[in-house]
């Protein structure tokens, strides 16, 4: 759901998703309990969708996924992405 929301925002702001030249960096924060060690698995869904849409050349980003004790509004996940845009 987060990836679809982000893609929707990019399309609205850029007019078309073809202007995304590359996904450079993705940071995933997971609202979790102490001892949860599978934050990278939570991030996999986001990365898998981006790679399936953009291919490995454009979609395979540097990524981090960390667990945190709390997120704003008690959200389960927050994703921050840095993308390269073409004119």
Protein backbone atom coordinates (compact mmCIF):
# COMPACT_ATOMS: atom_id res chain seq x y z
CA UNK A 1 0.00 0.00 0.00
CA UNK A 2 2.85 2.40 0.79
CA UNK A 3 4.47 1.84 -2.62
CA UNK A 4 1.17 2.43 -4.43
CA UNK A 5 0.59 5.62 -2.46
CA UNK A 6 4.09 6.86 -3.26
CA UNK A 7 3.69 6.03 -6.95
CA UNK A 8 0.38 7.91 -6.97
CA UNK A 9 2.02 10.96 -5.43
CA UNK A 10 4.87 10.85 -7.95
CA UNK A 11 2.43 10.58 -10.85
CA UNK A 12 0.34 13.47 -9.55
CA UNK A 13 3.39 15.70 -9.06
CA UNK A 14 5.32 14.72 -12.21
CA UNK A 15 2.43 14.08 -14.58
CA UNK A 16 3.82 10.67 -15.56
CA UNK A 17 5.85 7.96 -13.88
CA UNK A 18 8.21 7.73 -16.88
CA UNK A 19 10.00 10.79 -15.47
CA UNK A 20 11.39 8.65 -12.63
CA UNK A 21 14.85 7.75 -13.94
CA UNK A 22 15.98 5.72 -10.92
CA UNK A 23 15.14 4.80 -7.35
CA UNK A 24 18.28 5.77 -5.46
CA UNK A 25 17.55 5.22 -1.76
CA UNK A 26 14.71 3.79 0.29
CA UNK A 27 14.49 4.04 4.08
CA UNK A 28 11.86 1.94 5.83
CA UNK A 29 10.87 2.45 9.46
CA UNK A 30 8.76 -0.32 10.97
CA UNK A 31 6.71 0.17 14.15
CA UNK A 32 7.68 -2.97 16.01
CA UNK A 33 8.18 -4.67 19.34
CA UNK A 34 11.57 -5.35 20.93
CA UNK A 35 13.23 -8.40 19.43
CA UNK A 36 11.51 -8.26 16.02
CA UNK A 37 14.33 -8.99 13.59
CA UNK A 38 12.52 -9.17 10.24
CA UNK A 39 12.25 -5.52 9.29
CA UNK A 40 13.89 -6.26 5.94
CA UNK A 41 11.05 -8.67 5.15
CA UNK A 42 8.57 -5.83 5.71
CA UNK A 43 10.50 -3.68 3.22
CA UNK A 44 10.65 -6.46 0.62
CA UNK A 45 7.11 -5.83 -0.62
CA UNK A 46 7.95 -2.22 -1.45
CA UNK A 47 11.21 -3.11 -3.19
CA UNK A 48 9.69 -6.04 -5.09
CA UNK A 49 6.96 -3.83 -6.57
CA UNK A 50 9.37 -1.06 -7.58
CA UNK A 51 11.76 -3.56 -9.22
CA UNK A 52 8.87 -5.25 -11.05
CA UNK A 53 7.77 -1.86 -12.47
CA UNK A 54 11.17 -0.28 -13.19
CA UNK A 55 13.48 -3.28 -13.59
CA UNK A 56 16.71 -3.90 -11.71
CA UNK A 57 18.62 -1.11 -13.48
CA UNK A 58 16.27 1.65 -12.30
CA UNK A 59 14.50 0.05 -9.34
CA UNK A 60 17.23 -1.71 -7.37
CA UNK A 61 17.98 0.94 -4.75
CA UNK A 62 20.17 1.23 -1.68
CA UNK A 63 17.89 0.35 1.20
CA UNK A 64 17.71 0.35 4.96
CA UNK A 65 14.96 -1.08 7.15
CA UNK A 66 14.92 -0.41 10.86
CA UNK A 67 12.54 -1.20 13.69
CA UNK A 68 11.37 1.61 15.96
CA UNK A 69 9.27 1.66 19.11
CA UNK A 70 6.77 4.23 17.85
CA UNK A 71 5.84 6.13 14.69
CA UNK A 72 3.65 9.23 14.31
CA UNK A 73 -0.09 8.50 14.42
CA UNK A 74 0.84 4.93 15.43
CA UNK A 75 1.49 4.11 11.76
CA UNK A 76 2.81 0.59 11.13
CA UNK A 77 5.36 1.64 8.47
CA UNK A 78 6.91 4.82 7.09
CA UNK A 79 8.90 4.76 3.84
CA UNK A 80 11.14 7.56 2.60
CA UNK A 81 12.48 7.36 -0.94
CA UNK A 82 14.95 9.37 -2.98
CA UNK A 83 14.36 9.18 -6.72
CA UNK A 84 16.18 10.61 -9.71
CA UNK A 85 13.87 12.63 -11.98
CA UNK A 86 14.38 13.40 -15.68
CA UNK A 87 13.02 16.55 -17.31
